[in-house]
C-alpha atoms as a PDB file:
ATOM      1  CA  MET A   1     110.984  29.694 157.516  1.00  0.00           C
ATOM      2  CA  SER A   2     111.871  27.345 154.680  1.00  0.00           C
ATOM      3  CA  GLN A   3     109.319  24.989 153.174  1.00  0.00           C
ATOM      4  CA  LYS A   4     111.116  22.012 154.756  1.00  0.00           C
ATOM      5  CA  ASP A   5     111.211  23.648 158.196  1.00  0.00           C
ATOM      6  CA  LEU A   6     107.537  24.565 157.978  1.00  0.00           C
ATOM      7  CA  HIS A   7     106.695  21.034 156.835  1.00  0.00           C
ATOM      8  CA  ASP A   8     108.551  19.563 159.805  1.00  0.00           C
ATOM      9  CA  TYR A   9     106.839  21.996 162.176  1.00  0.00           C
ATOM     10  CA  VAL A  10     103.372  21.131 160.827  1.00  0.00           C
ATOM     11  CA  LEU A  11     104.073  17.419 161.274  1.00  0.00           C
ATOM     12  CA  ALA A  12     105.239  17.993 164.843  1.00  0.00           C
ATOM     13  CA  HIS A  13     102.277  20.289 165.673  1.00  0.00           C
ATOM     14  CA  ARG A  14      99.370  18.748 163.779  1.00  0.00           C
ATOM     15  CA  ASP A  15      96.766  20.681 165.783  1.00  0.00           C
ATOM     16  CA  ASN A  16      98.178  24.075 164.699  1.00  0.00           C
ATOM     17  CA  LYS A  17      95.799  25.057 161.894  1.00  0.00           C
ATOM     18  CA  LYS A  18      97.470  28.432 161.375  1.00  0.00           C
ATOM     19  CA  ALA A  19     100.807  26.742 160.652  1.00  0.00           C
ATOM     20  CA  PHE A  20      99.095  24.240 158.334  1.00  0.00           C
ATOM     21  CA  TYR A  21      97.481  26.991 156.260  1.00  0.00           C
ATOM     22  CA  ALA A  22     100.774  28.907 156.147  1.00  0.00           C
ATOM     23  CA  TYR A  23     102.417  25.745 154.819  1.00  0.00           C
ATOM     24  CA  VAL A  24      99.756  25.232 152.154  1.00  0.00           C
ATOM     25  CA  LYS A  25     100.041  28.886 151.114  1.00  0.00           C
ATOM     26  CA  LYS A  26     103.823  28.558 150.855  1.00  0.00           C
ATOM     27  CA  ILE A  27     103.538  25.410 148.727  1.00  0.00           C
ATOM     28  CA  HIS A  28     101.224  27.167 146.274  1.00  0.00           C
ATOM     29  CA  LYS A  29     103.593  30.148 146.031  1.00  0.00           C
ATOM     30  CA  GLU A  30     106.571  27.913 145.277  1.00  0.00           C
ATOM     31  CA  VAL A  31     104.842  25.704 142.748  1.00  0.00           C
ATOM     32  CA  ASN A  32     107.153  23.176 141.165  1.00  0.00           C
ATOM     33  CA  TRP A  33     104.493  20.783 139.928  1.00  0.00           C
ATOM     34  CA  ILE A  34     104.635  19.016 136.604  1.00  0.00           C
ATOM     35  CA  GLU A  35     101.381  18.388 134.771  1.00  0.00           C
ATOM     36  CA  ILE A  36     101.286  15.293 132.595  1.00  0.00           C
ATOM     37  CA  PRO A  37      98.347  14.785 130.234  1.00  0.00           C
ATOM     38  CA  ALA A  38      96.489  11.493 130.257  1.00  0.00           C
ATOM     39  CA  LEU A  39      97.522   8.936 127.659  1.00  0.00           C
ATOM     40  CA  GLU A  40      93.885   8.177 126.904  1.00  0.00           C
ATOM     41  CA  SER A  41      90.590   9.819 127.678  1.00  0.00           C
ATOM     42  CA  PHE A  42      88.144   8.662 130.327  1.00  0.00           C
ATOM     43  CA  SER A  43      85.494   7.839 127.720  1.00  0.00           C
ATOM     44  CA  SER A  44      87.854   5.699 125.632  1.00  0.00           C
ATOM     45  CA  ARG A  45      89.172   3.925 128.700  1.00  0.00           C
ATOM     46  CA  PHE A  46      85.940   3.199 130.567  1.00  0.00           C
ATOM     47  CA  LEU A  47      83.120   3.647 128.075  1.00  0.00           C
ATOM     48  CA  GLY A  48      84.718   2.111 125.014  1.00  0.00           C
ATOM     49  CA  MET A  49      84.278   5.345 123.026  1.00  0.00           C
ATOM     50  CA  ARG A  50      86.926   6.983 120.878  1.00  0.00           C
END
């Protein structure tokens, strides 16, 4: 089942935990995420430190 088909199935059958976990597992196998670093650090943004 394709990722789109599984996604649609999970939305239509929200109580099916097995299908949900299969979907999550499939997403992690087919990772196409892009990581973007922060422009500034937490401490410089909120604590005034550099």
